[in-house]
């Protein structure tokens, strides 16, 4: 009897682990009917990608809340280290190609969580790299103005979609 129970337990573990090895298939879908608040956040995110590509730290300084945190594959840091990284070219966000975007509004439309499925072309340590990311951006509205509270890059298992010749185009 113990052998049967152990065998059933082992079979269950094998089946569960085989599912754990499968890459997630769910992705976000861009809505065709965004509210004005959602569209405002989408537009702000697009500006942010342009500012990052142009190394426009003055505009980013206004957008990023003083308590804003940035989570990259290599670590997590605050506003000033992120601005310094952009200014000095430690990471140069050359181009973000956005494939889909979704915005969820919370707290009487005073908090927004935006998800971007992107390919990012960046110079990191003097080397150009292109990576697929799901980027999470959190925005908080204070005194009628949107401030970024969090920016997180999560590496995706999907292949990069951008073609090499596309990496010379401007940020989309």
C-alpha atoms as a PDB file:
ATOM      1  CA  UNK A   1       0.000   0.000   0.000  1.00  0.00           C
ATOM      2  CA  UNK A   2       2.844   2.365   0.872  1.00  0.00           C
ATOM      3  CA  UNK A   3       4.450   1.681  -2.511  1.00  0.00           C
ATOM      4  CA  UNK A   4       1.215   2.600  -4.314  1.00  0.00           C
ATOM      5  CA  UNK A   5       0.862   5.861  -2.376  1.00  0.00           C
ATOM      6  CA  UNK A   6       4.517   6.684  -2.980  1.00  0.00           C
ATOM      7  CA  UNK A   7       4.114   5.852  -6.695  1.00  0.00           C
ATOM      8  CA  UNK A   8       1.042   8.095  -6.953  1.00  0.00           C
ATOM      9  CA  UNK A   9       2.910  10.894  -5.164  1.00  0.00           C
ATOM     10  CA  UNK A  10       5.898  10.487  -7.491  1.00  0.00           C
ATOM     11  CA  UNK A  11       3.669  10.500 -10.582  1.00  0.00           C
ATOM     12  CA  UNK A  12       1.940  13.679  -9.366  1.00  0.00           C
ATOM     13  CA  UNK A  13       5.292  15.399  -8.836  1.00  0.00           C
ATOM     14  CA  UNK A  14       6.529  14.412 -12.300  1.00  0.00           C
ATOM     15  CA  UNK A  15       3.362  15.717 -13.974  1.00  0.00           C
ATOM     16  CA  UNK A  16       3.526  18.998 -12.032  1.00  0.00           C
ATOM     17  CA  UNK A  17       7.210  19.527 -12.819  1.00  0.00           C
ATOM     18  CA  UNK A  18       6.589  18.943 -16.532  1.00  0.00           C
ATOM     19  CA  UNK A  19       4.057  21.794 -16.489  1.00  0.00           C
ATOM     20  CA  UNK A  20       6.518  24.013 -14.627  1.00  0.00           C
ATOM     21  CA  UNK A  21       8.994  23.665 -17.511  1.00  0.00           C
ATOM     22  CA  UNK A  22       6.564  25.074 -20.072  1.00  0.00           C
ATOM     23  CA  UNK A  23       6.986  28.783 -20.878  1.00  0.00           C
ATOM     24  CA  UNK A  24       3.940  30.895 -20.090  1.00  0.00           C
ATOM     25  CA  UNK A  25       1.734  31.503 -23.090  1.00  0.00           C
ATOM     26  CA  UNK A  26      -0.359  34.377 -21.805  1.00  0.00           C
ATOM     27  CA  UNK A  27       0.539  37.832 -23.012  1.00  0.00           C
ATOM     28  CA  UNK A  28      -1.121  41.212 -22.855  1.00  0.00           C
ATOM     29  CA  UNK A  29      -3.367  42.535 -25.584  1.00  0.00           C
ATOM     30  CA  UNK A  30      -3.574  46.241 -26.393  1.00  0.00           C
ATOM     31  CA  UNK A  31      -7.079  47.534 -25.814  1.00  0.00           C
ATOM     32  CA  UNK A  32      -8.814  49.346 -28.648  1.00  0.00           C
ATOM     33  CA  UNK A  33     -11.010  51.260 -26.197  1.00  0.00           C
ATOM     34  CA  UNK A  34      -8.805  52.939 -23.596  1.00  0.00           C
ATOM     35  CA  UNK A  35     -10.301  55.486 -21.247  1.00  0.00           C
ATOM     36  CA  UNK A  36      -8.879  59.023 -21.444  1.00  0.00           C
ATOM     37  CA  UNK A  37      -6.917  58.307 -18.241  1.00  0.00           C
ATOM     38  CA  UNK A  38      -5.448  55.099 -19.676  1.00  0.00           C
ATOM     39  CA  UNK A  39      -4.511  56.854 -22.918  1.00  0.00           C
ATOM     40  CA  UNK A  40      -2.817  59.624 -20.925  1.00  0.00           C
ATOM     41  CA  UNK A  41      -0.628  57.013 -19.204  1.00  0.00           C
ATOM     42  CA  UNK A  42       0.159  55.294 -22.532  1.00  0.00           C
ATOM     43  CA  UNK A  43       1.219  58.649 -24.014  1.00  0.00           C
ATOM     44  CA  UNK A  44       3.333  59.434 -20.954  1.00  0.00           C
ATOM     45  CA  UNK A  45       5.049  56.051 -21.225  1.00  0.00           C
ATOM     46  CA  UNK A  46       5.840  56.708 -24.896  1.00  0.00           C
ATOM     47  CA  UNK A  47       7.369  60.073 -23.952  1.00  0.00           C
ATOM     48  CA  UNK A  48       9.401  58.351 -21.236  1.00  0.00           C
ATOM     49  CA  UNK A  49      10.905  55.913 -23.791  1.00  0.00           C
ATOM     50  CA  UNK A  50      11.805  58.881 -26.025  1.00  0.00           C
ATOM     51  CA  UNK A  51      13.365  60.751 -23.104  1.00  0.00           C
ATOM     52  CA  UNK A  52      15.370  57.656 -22.143  1.00  0.00           C
ATOM     53  CA  UNK A  53      16.594  57.221 -25.743  1.00  0.00           C
ATOM     54  CA  UNK A  54      17.557  60.911 -25.896  1.00  0.00           C
ATOM     55  CA  UNK A  55      19.164  60.770 -22.405  1.00  0.00           C
ATOM     56  CA  UNK A  56      16.855  63.640 -21.412  1.00  0.00           C
ATOM     57  CA  UNK A  57      17.484  63.398 -17.668  1.00  0.00           C
ATOM     58  CA  UNK A  58      15.839  66.782 -16.996  1.00  0.00           C
ATOM     59  CA  UNK A  59      12.422  65.531 -18.169  1.00  0.00           C
ATOM     60  CA  UNK A  60      12.964  62.150 -16.505  1.00  0.00           C
ATOM     61  CA  UNK A  61      13.876  63.873 -13.235  1.00  0.00           C
ATOM     62  CA  UNK A  62      10.460  65.559 -13.242  1.00  0.00           C
ATOM     63  CA  UNK A  63       8.655  62.307 -14.144  1.00  0.00           C
ATOM     64  CA  UNK A  64      10.399  60.053 -11.606  1.00  0.00           C
ATOM     65  CA  UNK A  65       9.144  60.407  -8.035  1.00  0.00           C
ATOM     66  CA  UNK A  66      11.935  60.846  -5.472  1.00  0.00           C
ATOM     67  CA  UNK A  67      11.027  57.394  -4.058  1.00  0.00           C
ATOM     68  CA  UNK A  68      10.880  55.745  -7.500  1.00  0.00           C
ATOM     69  CA  UNK A  69      12.650  52.381  -7.770  1.00  0.00           C
ATOM     70  CA  UNK A  70      14.096  50.717 -10.864  1.00  0.00           C
ATOM     71  CA  UNK A  71      14.447  46.943 -11.141  1.00  0.00           C
ATOM     72  CA  UNK A  72      16.735  45.634 -13.861  1.00  0.00           C
ATOM     73  CA  UNK A  73      18.204  42.199 -14.531  1.00  0.00           C
ATOM     74  CA  UNK A  74      21.333  43.316 -12.643  1.00  0.00           C
ATOM     75  CA  UNK A  75      19.759  44.891  -9.581  1.00  0.00           C
ATOM     76  CA  UNK A  76      17.417  47.442  -8.051  1.00  0.00           C
ATOM     77  CA  UNK A  77      18.194  51.075  -7.309  1.00  0.00           C
ATOM     78  CA  UNK A  78      16.580  54.476  -6.796  1.00  0.00           C
ATOM     79  CA  UNK A  79      15.974  57.630  -8.794  1.00  0.00           C
ATOM     80  CA  UNK A  80      19.389  59.276  -8.612  1.00  0.00           C
ATOM     81  CA  UNK A  81      21.403  56.176  -9.564  1.00  0.00           C
ATOM     82  CA  UNK A  82      19.021  55.585 -12.511  1.00  0.00           C
ATOM     83  CA  UNK A  83      19.356  59.174 -13.734  1.00  0.00           C
ATOM     84  CA  UNK A  84      23.151  58.975 -13.376  1.00  0.00           C
ATOM     85  CA  UNK A  85      23.202  55.660 -15.275  1.00  0.00           C
ATOM     86  CA  UNK A  86      21.223  57.248 -18.125  1.00  0.00           C
ATOM     87  CA  UNK A  87      23.247  60.484 -18.118  1.00  0.00           C
ATOM     88  CA  UNK A  88      26.633  58.730 -18.223  1.00  0.00           C
ATOM     89  CA  UNK A  89      25.512  56.108 -20.727  1.00  0.00           C
ATOM     90  CA  UNK A  90      25.983  53.171 -18.342  1.00  0.00           C
ATOM     91  CA  UNK A  91      22.726  52.019 -19.912  1.00  0.00           C
ATOM     92  CA  UNK A  92      21.586  53.790 -23.062  1.00  0.00           C
ATOM     93  CA  UNK A  93      18.009  52.883 -23.882  1.00  0.00           C
ATOM     94  CA  UNK A  94      18.434  53.390 -27.629  1.00  0.00           C
ATOM     95  CA  UNK A  95      15.077  52.080 -28.789  1.00  0.00           C
ATOM     96  CA  UNK A  96      12.004  50.458 -27.302  1.00  0.00           C
ATOM     97  CA  UNK A  97       9.704  48.729 -29.772  1.00  0.00           C
ATOM     98  CA  UNK A  98       6.349  48.336 -28.022  1.00  0.00           C
ATOM     99  CA  UNK A  99       4.252  45.416 -29.273  1.00  0.00           C
ATOM    100  CA  UNK A 100       1.405  45.665 -26.800  1.00  0.00           C
ATOM    101  CA  UNK A 101       0.422  47.805 -23.851  1.00  0.00           C
ATOM    102  CA  UNK A 102      -2.174  47.460 -21.115  1.00  0.00           C
ATOM    103  CA  UNK A 103      -3.078  49.930 -18.398  1.00  0.00           C
ATOM    104  CA  UNK A 104      -5.038  49.125 -15.244  1.00  0.00           C
ATOM    105  CA  UNK A 105      -6.311  52.042 -13.176  1.00  0.00           C
ATOM    106  CA  UNK A 106      -6.749  51.909  -9.378  1.00  0.00           C
ATOM    107  CA  UNK A 107      -7.504  54.179  -6.432  1.00  0.00           C
ATOM    108  CA  UNK A 108     -10.120  56.403  -8.157  1.00  0.00           C
ATOM    109  CA  UNK A 109      -7.877  56.663 -11.259  1.00  0.00           C
ATOM    110  CA  UNK A 110      -4.986  58.068  -9.197  1.00  0.00           C
ATOM    111  CA  UNK A 111      -2.776  54.980  -9.611  1.00  0.00           C
ATOM    112  CA  UNK A 112      -1.940  53.334 -12.932  1.00  0.00           C
ATOM    113  CA  UNK A 113      -0.090  50.102 -13.656  1.00  0.00           C
ATOM    114  CA  UNK A 114       1.106  49.891 -17.252  1.00  0.00           C
ATOM    115  CA  UNK A 115       2.491  46.730 -18.866  1.00  0.00           C
ATOM    116  CA  UNK A 116       4.570  46.955 -22.053  1.00  0.00           C
ATOM    117  CA  UNK A 117       5.613  43.932 -24.114  1.00  0.00           C
ATOM    118  CA  UNK A 118       8.761  45.327 -25.761  1.00  0.00           C
ATOM    119  CA  UNK A 119      11.996  44.612 -27.494  1.00  0.00           C
ATOM    120  CA  UNK A 120      14.635  46.934 -26.079  1.00  0.00           C
ATOM    121  CA  UNK A 121      17.782  47.880 -27.951  1.00  0.00           C
ATOM    122  CA  UNK A 122      20.291  49.218 -25.440  1.00  0.00           C
ATOM    123  CA  UNK A 123      23.977  49.908 -25.014  1.00  0.00           C
ATOM    124  CA  UNK A 124      25.105  48.233 -21.800  1.00  0.00           C
ATOM    125  CA  UNK A 125      28.748  48.520 -20.849  1.00  0.00           C
ATOM    126  CA  UNK A 126      29.625  49.645 -24.382  1.00  0.00           C
ATOM    127  CA  UNK A 127      27.897  46.659 -26.014  1.00  0.00           C
ATOM    128  CA  UNK A 128      24.625  46.798 -27.955  1.00  0.00           C
ATOM    129  CA  UNK A 129      22.098  44.232 -26.736  1.00  0.00           C
ATOM    130  CA  UNK A 130      18.512  43.546 -27.750  1.00  0.00           C
ATOM    131  CA  UNK A 131      16.203  41.886 -25.236  1.00  0.00           C
ATOM    132  CA  UNK A 132      12.543  40.969 -24.942  1.00  0.00           C
ATOM    133  CA  UNK A 133      10.965  42.404 -21.784  1.00  0.00           C
ATOM    134  CA  UNK A 134       7.644  42.806 -20.079  1.00  0.00           C
ATOM    135  CA  UNK A 135       8.051  46.223 -18.508  1.00  0.00           C
ATOM    136  CA  UNK A 136       5.879  47.192 -15.552  1.00  0.00           C
ATOM    137  CA  UNK A 137       5.461  50.900 -14.895  1.00  0.00           C
ATOM    138  CA  UNK A 138       3.588  52.245 -11.868  1.00  0.00           C
ATOM    139  CA  UNK A 139       2.341  55.837 -11.934  1.00  0.00           C
ATOM    140  CA  UNK A 140       0.792  57.828  -9.075  1.00  0.00           C
ATOM    141  CA  UNK A 141      -1.156  61.032  -9.576  1.00  0.00           C
ATOM    142  CA  UNK A 142      -0.271  63.664  -6.972  1.00  0.00           C
ATOM    143  CA  UNK A 143      -1.546  67.229  -7.105  1.00  0.00           C
ATOM    144  CA  UNK A 144      -2.915  66.617 -10.603  1.00  0.00           C
ATOM    145  CA  UNK A 145       0.425  65.378 -12.037  1.00  0.00           C
ATOM    146  CA  UNK A 146       1.578  61.854 -12.826  1.00  0.00           C
ATOM    147  CA  UNK A 147       4.812  60.619 -11.237  1.00  0.00           C
ATOM    148  CA  UNK A 148       6.503  57.287 -11.842  1.00  0.00           C
ATOM    149  CA  UNK A 149       6.835  55.174  -8.715  1.00  0.00           C
ATOM    150  CA  UNK A 150       8.317  51.949 -10.135  1.00  0.00           C
ATOM    151  CA  UNK A 151       9.872  50.648 -13.358  1.00  0.00           C
ATOM    152  CA  UNK A 152      10.578  46.915 -13.614  1.00  0.00           C
ATOM    153  CA  UNK A 153      12.116  44.967 -16.495  1.00  0.00           C
ATOM    154  CA  UNK A 154      11.138  41.276 -16.566  1.00  0.00           C
ATOM    155  CA  UNK A 155      12.976  39.211 -19.165  1.00  0.00           C
ATOM    156  CA  UNK A 156      10.622  37.300 -21.482  1.00  0.00           C
ATOM    157  CA  UNK A 157      11.242  33.794 -22.804  1.00  0.00           C
ATOM    158  CA  UNK A 158       9.887  34.696 -26.245  1.00  0.00           C
ATOM    159  CA  UNK A 159      12.370  35.374 -29.040  1.00  0.00           C
ATOM    160  CA  UNK A 160      13.256  38.947 -29.904  1.00  0.00           C
ATOM    161  CA  UNK A 161      10.938  40.144 -32.683  1.00  0.00           C
ATOM    162  CA  UNK A 162      12.853  43.197 -33.878  1.00  0.00           C
ATOM    163  CA  UNK A 163      15.017  42.735 -36.948  1.00  0.00           C
ATOM    164  CA  UNK A 164      18.640  43.952 -36.825  1.00  0.00           C
ATOM    165  CA  UNK A 165      17.995  46.563 -39.520  1.00  0.00           C
ATOM    166  CA  UNK A 166      15.147  47.964 -37.387  1.00  0.00           C
ATOM    167  CA  UNK A 167      17.464  48.793 -34.482  1.00  0.00           C
ATOM    168  CA  UNK A 168      18.610  51.978 -36.229  1.00  0.00           C
ATOM    169  CA  UNK A 169      15.084  53.427 -36.243  1.00  0.00           C
ATOM    170  CA  UNK A 170      13.797  55.823 -33.621  1.00  0.00           C
ATOM    171  CA  UNK A 171      11.966  54.806 -30.446  1.00  0.00           C
ATOM    172  CA  UNK A 172       8.365  53.853 -31.019  1.00  0.00           C
END
